[in-house]
Amino acid sequence: MKDSEIYFNKDIEAQIIKKLQQVKKEVYIMHFWFTYKPIIDILIELSRKGIEIKVLTDHRTYSNKLENINKVFKISALKYMWEHNIEAKVYKGIMMHHKVILIDNNITITGSCNLYKDSLFLHNENIIILEDTTVNRIYKNEFLSLFQNTMTKKEIEQVELKKKLLSVKIILKNKMRNMLLKLLGKLK
Protein backbone atom coordinates (compact mmCIF):
# COMPACT_ATOMS: atom_id res chain seq x y z
CA MET A 1 0.00 0.00 0.00
CA LYS A 2 1.39 3.34 -1.03
CA ASP A 3 -0.18 5.78 1.38
CA SER A 4 -3.03 6.19 3.83
CA GLU A 5 -4.49 9.08 5.81
CA ILE A 6 -7.11 8.96 8.57
CA TYR A 7 -9.40 11.86 9.50
CA PHE A 8 -12.09 12.45 12.09
CA ASN A 9 -15.08 14.77 12.38
CA LYS A 10 -14.18 18.38 11.55
CA ASP A 11 -11.57 17.43 8.92
CA ILE A 12 -13.72 15.05 6.87
CA GLU A 13 -15.52 17.50 4.57
CA ALA A 14 -12.34 19.42 3.74
CA GLN A 15 -10.37 16.27 2.96
CA ILE A 16 -13.09 14.84 0.69
CA ILE A 17 -13.37 18.15 -1.16
CA LYS A 18 -9.57 18.40 -1.47
CA LYS A 19 -9.40 14.94 -3.09
CA LEU A 20 -12.34 15.65 -5.40
CA GLN A 21 -10.67 18.85 -6.60
CA GLN A 22 -7.67 16.76 -7.73
CA VAL A 23 -9.67 14.35 -9.93
CA LYS A 24 -8.39 13.83 -13.46
CA LYS A 25 -10.53 11.03 -14.92
CA GLU A 26 -13.39 9.59 -12.84
CA VAL A 27 -15.27 9.53 -9.55
CA TYR A 28 -17.46 6.63 -8.46
CA ILE A 29 -19.42 7.16 -5.25
CA MET A 30 -21.16 4.35 -3.41
CA HIS A 31 -22.84 5.92 -0.37
CA PHE A 32 -25.74 4.86 1.79
CA TRP A 33 -26.96 8.41 2.38
CA PHE A 34 -25.86 11.26 0.10
CA THR A 35 -27.66 14.60 0.34
CA TYR A 36 -24.85 17.10 0.97
CA LYS A 37 -25.09 19.80 -1.73
CA PRO A 38 -21.51 21.19 -1.60
CA ILE A 39 -20.11 17.77 -2.55
CA ILE A 40 -22.82 17.19 -5.17
CA ASP A 41 -22.05 20.62 -6.66
CA ILE A 42 -18.38 19.65 -7.00
CA LEU A 43 -19.46 16.49 -8.85
CA ILE A 44 -21.63 18.60 -11.18
CA GLU A 45 -18.69 20.91 -11.87
CA LEU A 46 -16.40 17.93 -12.53
CA SER A 47 -18.97 16.39 -14.85
CA ARG A 48 -19.14 19.61 -16.86
CA LYS A 49 -15.35 19.36 -17.28
CA GLY A 50 -15.70 15.87 -18.79
CA ILE A 51 -14.90 13.83 -15.68
CA GLU A 52 -16.91 10.59 -15.51
CA ILE A 53 -19.20 10.63 -12.46
CA LYS A 54 -21.25 7.67 -11.24
CA VAL A 55 -23.20 7.63 -7.98
CA LEU A 56 -24.81 4.63 -6.34
CA THR A 57 -26.89 5.17 -3.26
CA ASP A 58 -29.64 3.70 -1.15
CA HIS A 59 -33.28 4.74 -1.60
CA ARG A 60 -33.07 7.00 1.45
CA THR A 61 -31.19 9.54 -0.67
CA TYR A 62 -34.29 9.88 -2.86
CA SER A 63 -36.51 10.32 0.19
CA ASN A 64 -34.32 12.96 1.78
CA LYS A 65 -33.89 16.53 0.65
CA LEU A 66 -30.74 18.17 -0.60
CA GLU A 67 -28.98 20.13 2.17
CA ASN A 68 -25.99 22.24 2.97
CA ILE A 69 -24.69 23.43 6.32
CA ASN A 70 -27.41 26.09 6.70
CA LYS A 71 -30.36 25.03 4.58
CA VAL A 72 -32.57 22.16 3.49
CA PHE A 73 -33.77 22.49 -0.10
CA LYS A 74 -37.16 21.42 -1.47
CA ILE A 75 -35.71 18.99 -4.02
CA SER A 76 -34.38 15.50 -3.27
CA ALA A 77 -30.65 15.02 -3.71
CA LEU A 78 -31.19 12.39 -6.41
CA LYS A 79 -33.51 14.60 -8.43
CA TYR A 80 -30.95 17.40 -8.17
CA MET A 81 -28.21 15.11 -9.47
CA TRP A 82 -30.44 13.90 -12.33
CA GLU A 83 -31.33 17.48 -13.28
CA HIS A 84 -27.58 18.17 -13.59
CA ASN A 85 -26.88 15.05 -15.67
CA ILE A 86 -25.11 13.08 -12.97
CA GLU A 87 -25.47 9.33 -13.50
CA ALA A 88 -26.96 8.51 -10.11
CA LYS A 89 -28.71 5.22 -9.38
CA VAL A 90 -30.50 3.66 -6.43
CA TYR A 91 -29.64 0.16 -5.28
CA LYS A 92 -32.54 -2.24 -5.74
CA GLY A 93 -31.72 -4.64 -2.90
CA ILE A 94 -32.75 -4.34 0.73
CA MET A 95 -29.96 -1.96 1.69
CA MET A 96 -26.70 -0.67 0.26
CA HIS A 97 -24.72 0.54 3.27
CA HIS A 98 -21.30 1.24 1.73
CA LYS A 99 -19.59 4.59 2.24
CA VAL A 100 -16.96 4.71 -0.48
CA ILE A 101 -15.56 7.29 -2.91
CA LEU A 102 -13.32 6.01 -5.72
CA ILE A 103 -11.10 8.47 -7.55
CA ASP A 104 -9.02 7.88 -10.69
CA ASN A 105 -8.43 4.15 -10.17
CA ASN A 106 -6.03 4.73 -7.26
CA ILE A 107 -7.69 6.70 -4.42
CA THR A 108 -10.29 5.13 -2.16
CA ILE A 109 -12.05 7.09 0.58
CA THR A 110 -14.06 4.98 2.99
CA GLY A 111 -15.10 5.00 6.64
CA SER A 112 -18.16 5.52 8.78
CA CYS A 113 -19.18 8.94 7.46
CA ASN A 114 -22.24 9.37 5.24
CA LEU A 115 -22.42 12.37 2.93
CA TYR A 116 -25.11 14.35 4.72
CA LYS A 117 -24.91 17.32 7.06
CA ASP A 118 -25.36 15.63 10.44
CA SER A 119 -22.90 12.87 9.64
CA LEU A 120 -20.32 15.39 8.43
CA PHE A 121 -20.70 17.90 11.28
CA LEU A 122 -22.52 16.41 14.30
CA HIS A 123 -21.70 12.71 14.53
CA ASN A 124 -18.41 11.14 15.57
CA GLU A 125 -17.24 9.80 12.21
CA ASN A 126 -14.08 8.84 10.39
CA ILE A 127 -12.65 8.36 6.93
CA ILE A 128 -9.52 6.69 5.67
CA ILE A 129 -8.01 7.77 2.38
CA LEU A 130 -6.02 5.01 0.68
CA GLU A 131 -3.78 5.46 -2.33
CA ASP A 132 -3.65 1.93 -3.70
CA THR A 133 -4.79 0.65 -7.10
CA THR A 134 -5.55 -2.85 -5.78
CA VAL A 135 -7.87 -1.59 -3.04
CA ASN A 136 -9.51 0.78 -5.52
CA ARG A 137 -10.03 -2.03 -8.06
CA ILE A 138 -11.65 -4.31 -5.44
CA TYR A 139 -14.10 -1.57 -4.42
CA LYS A 140 -14.72 -0.64 -8.06
CA ASN A 141 -15.66 -4.25 -8.85
CA GLU A 142 -18.16 -4.16 -5.98
CA PHE A 143 -19.49 -0.82 -7.23
CA LEU A 144 -19.94 -2.09 -10.80
CA SER A 145 -21.64 -5.26 -9.56
CA LEU A 146 -24.15 -3.31 -7.45
CA PHE A 147 -24.58 -0.62 -10.12
CA GLN A 148 -26.22 -3.28 -12.32
CA ASN A 149 -28.86 -4.01 -9.66
CA THR A 150 -30.58 -0.63 -9.52
CA MET A 151 -34.08 0.79 -9.71
CA THR A 152 -35.38 2.84 -12.60
CA LYS A 153 -36.62 6.36 -11.84
CA LYS A 154 -40.18 5.09 -12.29
CA GLU A 155 -39.64 2.30 -9.74
CA ILE A 156 -38.18 4.79 -7.26
CA GLU A 157 -41.12 7.13 -7.71
CA GLN A 158 -43.56 4.24 -7.19
CA VAL A 159 -41.80 3.24 -3.95
CA GLU A 160 -41.95 6.84 -2.73
CA LEU A 161 -45.63 7.15 -3.68
CA LYS A 162 -46.43 3.98 -1.73
CA LYS A 163 -44.62 5.44 1.30
CA LYS A 164 -46.63 8.66 1.04
CA LEU A 165 -49.90 6.77 0.68
CA LEU A 166 -49.04 4.64 3.70
CA SER A 167 -48.30 7.80 5.71
CA VAL A 168 -51.64 9.32 4.71
CA LYS A 169 -53.41 6.08 5.57
CA ILE A 170 -51.81 6.05 9.05
CA ILE A 171 -52.70 9.72 9.63
CA LEU A 172 -56.30 9.14 8.59
CA LYS A 173 -56.54 6.00 10.73
CA ASN A 174 -55.28 7.94 13.77
CA LYS A 175 -57.71 10.81 13.12
CA MET A 176 -60.63 8.35 12.82
CA ARG A 177 -59.58 6.64 16.04
CA ASN A 178 -59.39 9.98 17.88
CA MET A 179 -62.80 11.03 16.53
CA LEU A 180 -64.34 7.75 17.69
CA LEU A 181 -62.78 8.10 21.13
CA LYS A 182 -64.20 11.62 21.44
CA LEU A 183 -67.63 10.37 20.36
CA LEU A 184 -67.52 7.52 22.86
CA GLY A 185 -66.46 9.95 25.58
CA LYS A 186 -69.51 12.14 24.86
CA LEU A 187 -71.88 9.15 25.00
CA LYS A 188 -70.84 8.23 28.57
C-alpha atoms as a PDB file:
ATOM      1  CA  MET A   1       0.000   0.000   0.000  1.00  0.00           C
ATOM      2  CA  LYS A   2       1.386   3.343  -1.029  1.00  0.00           C
ATOM      3  CA  ASP A   3      -0.175   5.781   1.378  1.00  0.00           C
ATOM      4  CA  SER A   4      -3.034   6.192   3.825  1.00  0.00           C
ATOM      5  CA  GLU A   5      -4.486   9.082   5.808  1.00  0.00           C
ATOM      6  CA  ILE A   6      -7.112   8.964   8.574  1.00  0.00           C
ATOM      7  CA  TYR A   7      -9.400  11.859   9.497  1.00  0.00           C
ATOM      8  CA  PHE A   8     -12.092  12.448  12.090  1.00  0.00           C
ATOM      9  CA  ASN A   9     -15.078  14.770  12.384  1.00  0.00           C
ATOM     10  CA  LYS A  10     -14.181  18.379  11.554  1.00  0.00           C
ATOM     11  CA  ASP A  11     -11.573  17.426   8.922  1.00  0.00           C
ATOM     12  CA  ILE A  12     -13.722  15.050   6.868  1.00  0.00           C
ATOM     13  CA  GLU A  13     -15.520  17.499   4.573  1.00  0.00           C
ATOM     14  CA  ALA A  14     -12.338  19.420   3.739  1.00  0.00           C
ATOM     15  CA  GLN A  15     -10.365  16.269   2.957  1.00  0.00           C
ATOM     16  CA  ILE A  16     -13.086  14.836   0.694  1.00  0.00           C
ATOM     17  CA  ILE A  17     -13.367  18.152  -1.160  1.00  0.00           C
ATOM     18  CA  LYS A  18      -9.572  18.398  -1.467  1.00  0.00           C
ATOM     19  CA  LYS A  19      -9.396  14.942  -3.085  1.00  0.00           C
ATOM     20  CA  LEU A  20     -12.340  15.651  -5.398  1.00  0.00           C
ATOM     21  CA  GLN A  21     -10.673  18.847  -6.598  1.00  0.00           C
ATOM     22  CA  GLN A  22      -7.673  16.758  -7.733  1.00  0.00           C
ATOM     23  CA  VAL A  23      -9.671  14.345  -9.932  1.00  0.00           C
ATOM     24  CA  LYS A  24      -8.388  13.832 -13.462  1.00  0.00           C
ATOM     25  CA  LYS A  25     -10.532  11.028 -14.924  1.00  0.00           C
ATOM     26  CA  GLU A  26     -13.387   9.590 -12.845  1.00  0.00           C
ATOM     27  CA  VAL A  27     -15.265   9.534  -9.548  1.00  0.00           C
ATOM     28  CA  TYR A  28     -17.460   6.632  -8.460  1.00  0.00           C
ATOM     29  CA  ILE A  29     -19.419   7.164  -5.254  1.00  0.00           C
ATOM     30  CA  MET A  30     -21.156   4.349  -3.409  1.00  0.00           C
ATOM     31  CA  HIS A  31     -22.837   5.921  -0.370  1.00  0.00           C
ATOM     32  CA  PHE A  32     -25.742   4.857   1.787  1.00  0.00           C
ATOM     33  CA  TRP A  33     -26.958   8.410   2.377  1.00  0.00           C
ATOM     34  CA  PHE A  34     -25.861  11.261   0.100  1.00  0.00           C
ATOM     35  CA  THR A  35     -27.662  14.600   0.343  1.00  0.00           C
ATOM     36  CA  TYR A  36     -24.855  17.103   0.967  1.00  0.00           C
ATOM     37  CA  LYS A  37     -25.089  19.804  -1.726  1.00  0.00           C
ATOM     38  CA  PRO A  38     -21.508  21.192  -1.603  1.00  0.00           C
ATOM     39  CA  ILE A  39     -20.109  17.770  -2.552  1.00  0.00           C
ATOM     40  CA  ILE A  40     -22.822  17.186  -5.167  1.00  0.00           C
ATOM     41  CA  ASP A  41     -22.049  20.622  -6.656  1.00  0.00           C
ATOM     42  CA  ILE A  42     -18.380  19.648  -6.997  1.00  0.00           C
ATOM     43  CA  LEU A  43     -19.461  16.494  -8.850  1.00  0.00           C
ATOM     44  CA  ILE A  44     -21.631  18.598 -11.176  1.00  0.00           C
ATOM     45  CA  GLU A  45     -18.689  20.915 -11.865  1.00  0.00           C
ATOM     46  CA  LEU A  46     -16.401  17.931 -12.531  1.00  0.00           C
ATOM     47  CA  SER A  47     -18.969  16.387 -14.854  1.00  0.00           C
ATOM     48  CA  ARG A  48     -19.139  19.606 -16.858  1.00  0.00           C
ATOM     49  CA  LYS A  49     -15.355  19.365 -17.283  1.00  0.00           C
ATOM     50  CA  GLY A  50     -15.705  15.874 -18.793  1.00  0.00           C
ATOM     51  CA  ILE A  51     -14.904  13.833 -15.680  1.00  0.00           C
ATOM     52  CA  GLU A  52     -16.912  10.592 -15.508  1.00  0.00           C
ATOM     53  CA  ILE A  53     -19.199  10.632 -12.455  1.00  0.00           C
ATOM     54  CA  LYS A  54     -21.246   7.668 -11.240  1.00  0.00           C
ATOM     55  CA  VAL A  55     -23.205   7.628  -7.982  1.00  0.00           C
ATOM     56  CA  LEU A  56     -24.807   4.625  -6.335  1.00  0.00           C
ATOM     57  CA  THR A  57     -26.890   5.172  -3.256  1.00  0.00           C
ATOM     58  CA  ASP A  58     -29.636   3.696  -1.155  1.00  0.00           C
ATOM     59  CA  HIS A  59     -33.275   4.741  -1.604  1.00  0.00           C
ATOM     60  CA  ARG A  60     -33.069   7.002   1.447  1.00  0.00           C
ATOM     61  CA  THR A  61     -31.190   9.545  -0.675  1.00  0.00           C
ATOM     62  CA  TYR A  62     -34.287   9.882  -2.860  1.00  0.00           C
ATOM     63  CA  SER A  63     -36.513  10.316   0.187  1.00  0.00           C
ATOM     64  CA  ASN A  64     -34.320  12.956   1.782  1.00  0.00           C
ATOM     65  CA  LYS A  65     -33.887  16.526   0.654  1.00  0.00           C
ATOM     66  CA  LEU A  66     -30.744  18.170  -0.600  1.00  0.00           C
ATOM     67  CA  GLU A  67     -28.985  20.128   2.173  1.00  0.00           C
ATOM     68  CA  ASN A  68     -25.991  22.235   2.970  1.00  0.00           C
ATOM     69  CA  ILE A  69     -24.689  23.425   6.323  1.00  0.00           C
ATOM     70  CA  ASN A  70     -27.409  26.094   6.704  1.00  0.00           C
ATOM     71  CA  LYS A  71     -30.358  25.033   4.577  1.00  0.00           C
ATOM     72  CA  VAL A  72     -32.570  22.161   3.495  1.00  0.00           C
ATOM     73  CA  PHE A  73     -33.770  22.493  -0.105  1.00  0.00           C
ATOM     74  CA  LYS A  74     -37.159  21.423  -1.473  1.00  0.00           C
ATOM     75  CA  ILE A  75     -35.706  18.988  -4.022  1.00  0.00           C
ATOM     76  CA  SER A  76     -34.375  15.502  -3.271  1.00  0.00           C
ATOM     77  CA  ALA A  77     -30.647  15.016  -3.709  1.00  0.00           C
ATOM     78  CA  LEU A  78     -31.191  12.387  -6.408  1.00  0.00           C
ATOM     79  CA  LYS A  79     -33.510  14.599  -8.430  1.00  0.00           C
ATOM     80  CA  TYR A  80     -30.946  17.397  -8.168  1.00  0.00           C
ATOM     81  CA  MET A  81     -28.206  15.107  -9.471  1.00  0.00           C
ATOM     82  CA  TRP A  82     -30.435  13.903 -12.327  1.00  0.00           C
ATOM     83  CA  GLU A  83     -31.326  17.484 -13.283  1.00  0.00           C
ATOM     84  CA  HIS A  84     -27.583  18.172 -13.590  1.00  0.00           C
ATOM     85  CA  ASN A  85     -26.877  15.051 -15.668  1.00  0.00           C
ATOM     86  CA  ILE A  86     -25.111  13.077 -12.968  1.00  0.00           C
ATOM     87  CA  GLU A  87     -25.470   9.330 -13.505  1.00  0.00           C
ATOM     88  CA  ALA A  88     -26.957   8.506 -10.114  1.00  0.00           C
ATOM     89  CA  LYS A  89     -28.708   5.225  -9.380  1.00  0.00           C
ATOM     90  CA  VAL A  90     -30.501   3.659  -6.430  1.00  0.00           C
ATOM     91  CA  TYR A  91     -29.644   0.157  -5.279  1.00  0.00           C
ATOM     92  CA  LYS A  92     -32.542  -2.240  -5.739  1.00  0.00           C
ATOM     93  CA  GLY A  93     -31.718  -4.643  -2.895  1.00  0.00           C
ATOM     94  CA  ILE A  94     -32.751  -4.344   0.734  1.00  0.00           C
ATOM     95  CA  MET A  95     -29.959  -1.957   1.692  1.00  0.00           C
ATOM     96  CA  MET A  96     -26.702  -0.666   0.261  1.00  0.00           C
ATOM     97  CA  HIS A  97     -24.718   0.536   3.273  1.00  0.00           C
ATOM     98  CA  HIS A  98     -21.297   1.239   1.735  1.00  0.00           C
ATOM     99  CA  LYS A  99     -19.591   4.587   2.239  1.00  0.00           C
ATOM    100  CA  VAL A 100     -16.956   4.707  -0.483  1.00  0.00           C
ATOM    101  CA  ILE A 101     -15.564   7.287  -2.913  1.00  0.00           C
ATOM    102  CA  LEU A 102     -13.321   6.007  -5.717  1.00  0.00           C
ATOM    103  CA  ILE A 103     -11.097   8.472  -7.545  1.00  0.00           C
ATOM    104  CA  ASP A 104      -9.019   7.882 -10.691  1.00  0.00           C
ATOM    105  CA  ASN A 105      -8.426   4.153 -10.172  1.00  0.00           C
ATOM    106  CA  ASN A 106      -6.034   4.733  -7.259  1.00  0.00           C
ATOM    107  CA  ILE A 107      -7.686   6.704  -4.420  1.00  0.00           C
ATOM    108  CA  THR A 108     -10.294   5.125  -2.159  1.00  0.00           C
ATOM    109  CA  ILE A 109     -12.053   7.090   0.585  1.00  0.00           C
ATOM    110  CA  THR A 110     -14.058   4.975   2.992  1.00  0.00           C
ATOM    111  CA  GLY A 111     -15.098   4.997   6.644  1.00  0.00           C
ATOM    112  CA  SER A 112     -18.157   5.524   8.784  1.00  0.00           C
ATOM    113  CA  CYS A 113     -19.185   8.944   7.456  1.00  0.00           C
ATOM    114  CA  ASN A 114     -22.236   9.366   5.238  1.00  0.00           C
ATOM    115  CA  LEU A 115     -22.417  12.369   2.928  1.00  0.00           C
ATOM    116  CA  TYR A 116     -25.109  14.350   4.720  1.00  0.00           C
ATOM    117  CA  LYS A 117     -24.908  17.321   7.057  1.00  0.00           C
ATOM    118  CA  ASP A 118     -25.362  15.630  10.437  1.00  0.00           C
ATOM    119  CA  SER A 119     -22.904  12.867   9.635  1.00  0.00           C
ATOM    120  CA  LEU A 120     -20.316  15.385   8.431  1.00  0.00           C
ATOM    121  CA  PHE A 121     -20.705  17.898  11.282  1.00  0.00           C
ATOM    122  CA  LEU A 122     -22.520  16.414  14.298  1.00  0.00           C
ATOM    123  CA  HIS A 123     -21.704  12.714  14.531  1.00  0.00           C
ATOM    124  CA  ASN A 124     -18.414  11.143  15.569  1.00  0.00           C
ATOM    125  CA  GLU A 125     -17.242   9.802  12.213  1.00  0.00           C
ATOM    126  CA  ASN A 126     -14.076   8.839  10.392  1.00  0.00           C
ATOM    127  CA  ILE A 127     -12.651   8.363   6.926  1.00  0.00           C
ATOM    128  CA  ILE A 128      -9.522   6.692   5.672  1.00  0.00           C
ATOM    129  CA  ILE A 129      -8.007   7.766   2.379  1.00  0.00           C
ATOM    130  CA  LEU A 130      -6.023   5.008   0.684  1.00  0.00           C
ATOM    131  CA  GLU A 131      -3.785   5.461  -2.334  1.00  0.00           C
ATOM    132  CA  ASP A 132      -3.647   1.933  -3.703  1.00  0.00           C
ATOM    133  CA  THR A 133      -4.787   0.654  -7.101  1.00  0.00           C
ATOM    134  CA  THR A 134      -5.546  -2.847  -5.779  1.00  0.00           C
ATOM    135  CA  VAL A 135      -7.872  -1.594  -3.040  1.00  0.00           C
ATOM    136  CA  ASN A 136      -9.510   0.783  -5.521  1.00  0.00           C
ATOM    137  CA  ARG A 137     -10.027  -2.026  -8.064  1.00  0.00           C
ATOM    138  CA  ILE A 138     -11.647  -4.306  -5.442  1.00  0.00           C
ATOM    139  CA  TYR A 139     -14.100  -1.566  -4.424  1.00  0.00           C
ATOM    140  CA  LYS A 140     -14.723  -0.635  -8.060  1.00  0.00           C
ATOM    141  CA  ASN A 141     -15.664  -4.247  -8.855  1.00  0.00           C
ATOM    142  CA  GLU A 142     -18.156  -4.157  -5.977  1.00  0.00           C
ATOM    143  CA  PHE A 143     -19.489  -0.819  -7.232  1.00  0.00           C
ATOM    144  CA  LEU A 144     -19.939  -2.094 -10.802  1.00  0.00           C
ATOM    145  CA  SER A 145     -21.642  -5.257  -9.564  1.00  0.00           C
ATOM    146  CA  LEU A 146     -24.151  -3.308  -7.449  1.00  0.00           C
ATOM    147  CA  PHE A 147     -24.582  -0.619 -10.125  1.00  0.00           C
ATOM    148  CA  GLN A 148     -26.223  -3.284 -12.325  1.00  0.00           C
ATOM    149  CA  ASN A 149     -28.865  -4.006  -9.660  1.00  0.00           C
ATOM    150  CA  THR A 150     -30.578  -0.628  -9.524  1.00  0.00           C
ATOM    151  CA  MET A 151     -34.080   0.792  -9.713  1.00  0.00           C
ATOM    152  CA  THR A 152     -35.384   2.841 -12.599  1.00  0.00           C
ATOM    153  CA  LYS A 153     -36.621   6.362 -11.842  1.00  0.00           C
ATOM    154  CA  LYS A 154     -40.183   5.093 -12.287  1.00  0.00           C
ATOM    155  CA  GLU A 155     -39.638   2.295  -9.742  1.00  0.00           C
ATOM    156  CA  ILE A 156     -38.176   4.788  -7.258  1.00  0.00           C
ATOM    157  CA  GLU A 157     -41.123   7.131  -7.713  1.00  0.00           C
ATOM    158  CA  GLN A 158     -43.556   4.238  -7.189  1.00  0.00           C
ATOM    159  CA  VAL A 159     -41.801   3.242  -3.950  1.00  0.00           C
ATOM    160  CA  GLU A 160     -41.952   6.839  -2.730  1.00  0.00           C
ATOM    161  CA  LEU A 161     -45.631   7.151  -3.683  1.00  0.00           C
ATOM    162  CA  LYS A 162     -46.426   3.980  -1.735  1.00  0.00           C
ATOM    163  CA  LYS A 163     -44.621   5.441   1.297  1.00  0.00           C
ATOM    164  CA  LYS A 164     -46.631   8.662   1.043  1.00  0.00           C
ATOM    165  CA  LEU A 165     -49.902   6.766   0.684  1.00  0.00           C
ATOM    166  CA  LEU A 166     -49.037   4.640   3.703  1.00  0.00           C
ATOM    167  CA  SER A 167     -48.299   7.797   5.714  1.00  0.00           C
ATOM    168  CA  VAL A 168     -51.640   9.322   4.706  1.00  0.00           C
ATOM    169  CA  LYS A 169     -53.410   6.078   5.574  1.00  0.00           C
ATOM    170  CA  ILE A 170     -51.808   6.050   9.049  1.00  0.00           C
ATOM    171  CA  ILE A 171     -52.696   9.721   9.634  1.00  0.00           C
ATOM    172  CA  LEU A 172     -56.305   9.137   8.585  1.00  0.00           C
ATOM    173  CA  LYS A 173     -56.542   6.004  10.734  1.00  0.00           C
ATOM    174  CA  ASN A 174     -55.284   7.941  13.770  1.00  0.00           C
ATOM    175  CA  LYS A 175     -57.712  10.807  13.119  1.00  0.00           C
ATOM    176  CA  MET A 176     -60.626   8.348  12.821  1.00  0.00           C
ATOM    177  CA  ARG A 177     -59.575   6.639  16.045  1.00  0.00           C
ATOM    178  CA  ASN A 178     -59.390   9.983  17.875  1.00  0.00           C
ATOM    179  CA  MET A 179     -62.801  11.034  16.531  1.00  0.00           C
ATOM    180  CA  LEU A 180     -64.345   7.747  17.694  1.00  0.00           C
ATOM    181  CA  LEU A 181     -62.775   8.097  21.132  1.00  0.00           C
ATOM    182  CA  LYS A 182     -64.203  11.621  21.436  1.00  0.00           C
ATOM    183  CA  LEU A 183     -67.633  10.373  20.365  1.00  0.00           C
ATOM    184  CA  LEU A 184     -67.520   7.524  22.862  1.00  0.00           C
ATOM    185  CA  GLY A 185     -66.458   9.949  25.582  1.00  0.00           C
ATOM    186  CA  LYS A 186     -69.509  12.138  24.863  1.00  0.00           C
ATOM    187  CA  LEU A 187     -71.884   9.150  25.002  1.00  0.00           C
ATOM    188  CA  LYS A 188     -70.844   8.232  28.575  1.00  0.00           C
END
